């Protein structure tokens, strides 16, 4: 395990210490958890953007998509417990 030094402004250090006490942990562990949460958040955001780019590339490659009004109706019916068939993707109108 490596060591990293961070410099905190006094007011931030006091806030971290108070928050750690409320959370029932040490300031060190609180900071480690905060860093891990931020890294996880950024990784999930990156995965989301990658998936969006892949899906958009598929739309461009196939030229097919499902209009939002059809997809929304489908999703609302599914949430209501209705048995519905998934709408089919169609070529984009140009």
Protein backbone atom coordinates (compact mmCIF):
# COMPACT_ATOMS: atom_id res chain seq x y z
CA UNK A 1 0.00 0.00 0.00
CA UNK A 2 1.37 3.40 -0.92
CA UNK A 3 1.20 6.63 1.03
CA UNK A 4 -0.15 9.90 -0.35
CA UNK A 5 -0.04 13.20 1.47
CA UNK A 6 -2.86 15.69 1.04
CA UNK A 7 -2.99 19.17 2.42
CA UNK A 8 -6.35 20.28 3.76
CA UNK A 9 -7.32 23.80 4.64
CA UNK A 10 -8.00 24.10 8.36
CA UNK A 11 -11.74 24.68 7.90
CA UNK A 12 -12.05 21.59 5.66
CA UNK A 13 -10.08 19.48 8.11
CA UNK A 14 -12.46 20.53 10.90
CA UNK A 15 -15.46 19.64 8.73
CA UNK A 16 -13.97 16.24 7.86
CA UNK A 17 -13.24 15.53 11.52
CA UNK A 18 -16.79 16.48 12.55
CA UNK A 19 -18.34 14.44 9.74
CA UNK A 20 -16.17 11.44 10.60
CA UNK A 21 -17.26 11.61 14.23
CA UNK A 22 -20.91 11.72 13.19
CA UNK A 23 -20.29 8.72 10.93
CA UNK A 24 -18.56 6.85 13.73
CA UNK A 25 -15.23 6.52 11.98
CA UNK A 26 -11.81 8.16 11.86
CA UNK A 27 -10.99 11.15 9.68
CA UNK A 28 -8.51 8.96 7.79
CA UNK A 29 -11.11 6.31 7.01
CA UNK A 30 -13.69 8.98 6.17
CA UNK A 31 -11.32 10.48 3.60
CA UNK A 32 -10.52 7.04 2.13
CA UNK A 33 -14.23 6.26 1.78
CA UNK A 34 -14.86 9.64 0.17
CA UNK A 35 -12.10 9.04 -2.38
CA UNK A 36 -13.42 5.53 -3.12
CA UNK A 37 -16.96 6.89 -3.60
CA UNK A 38 -15.72 9.60 -5.97
CA UNK A 39 -13.70 7.10 -8.01
CA UNK A 40 -16.70 4.75 -8.21
CA UNK A 41 -18.95 7.61 -9.28
CA UNK A 42 -16.55 8.65 -12.04
CA UNK A 43 -16.16 5.06 -13.26
CA UNK A 44 -19.95 4.62 -13.42
CA UNK A 45 -20.31 7.95 -15.25
CA UNK A 46 -17.66 6.88 -17.73
CA UNK A 47 -19.37 3.49 -18.25
CA UNK A 48 -22.68 5.30 -18.82
CA UNK A 49 -21.13 7.58 -21.45
CA UNK A 50 -19.41 4.63 -23.16
CA UNK A 51 -22.72 2.75 -23.35
CA UNK A 52 -24.48 5.83 -24.71
CA UNK A 53 -21.79 6.22 -27.39
CA UNK A 54 -22.09 2.53 -28.33
CA UNK A 55 -25.87 2.79 -28.60
CA UNK A 56 -25.64 5.96 -30.67
CA UNK A 57 -23.11 4.29 -32.98
CA UNK A 58 -25.57 1.40 -33.40
CA UNK A 59 -28.32 3.86 -34.32
CA UNK A 60 -26.07 5.52 -36.88
CA UNK A 61 -24.91 2.18 -38.29
CA UNK A 62 -28.36 0.62 -38.58
CA UNK A 63 -30.39 3.77 -39.12
CA UNK A 64 -33.05 2.22 -36.88
CA UNK A 65 -34.62 3.54 -33.72
CA UNK A 66 -37.87 3.46 -31.76
CA UNK A 67 -39.82 6.71 -31.51
CA UNK A 68 -40.03 8.00 -27.94
CA UNK A 69 -43.85 8.04 -27.83
CA UNK A 70 -43.95 4.33 -28.70
CA UNK A 71 -41.21 3.42 -26.22
CA UNK A 72 -42.83 5.49 -23.48
CA UNK A 73 -46.20 3.79 -24.00
CA UNK A 74 -44.48 0.40 -23.93
CA UNK A 75 -42.64 1.21 -20.69
CA UNK A 76 -45.75 2.60 -19.01
CA UNK A 77 -47.71 -0.53 -19.95
CA UNK A 78 -44.92 -2.77 -18.66
CA UNK A 79 -44.85 -0.89 -15.36
CA UNK A 80 -48.61 -1.27 -15.11
CA UNK A 81 -48.15 -5.04 -15.38
CA UNK A 82 -49.72 -5.36 -18.82
CA UNK A 83 -48.50 -7.98 -21.27
CA UNK A 84 -47.21 -6.03 -24.24
CA UNK A 85 -44.84 -6.75 -27.08
CA UNK A 86 -41.72 -4.70 -27.45
CA UNK A 87 -41.90 -2.08 -30.19
CA UNK A 88 -39.79 -2.76 -33.26
CA UNK A 89 -37.03 -0.45 -34.35
CA UNK A 90 -37.65 1.23 -37.70
CA UNK A 91 -35.52 3.24 -40.09
CA UNK A 92 -35.27 6.89 -39.18
CA UNK A 93 -37.37 9.20 -41.33
CA UNK A 94 -35.23 11.73 -43.15
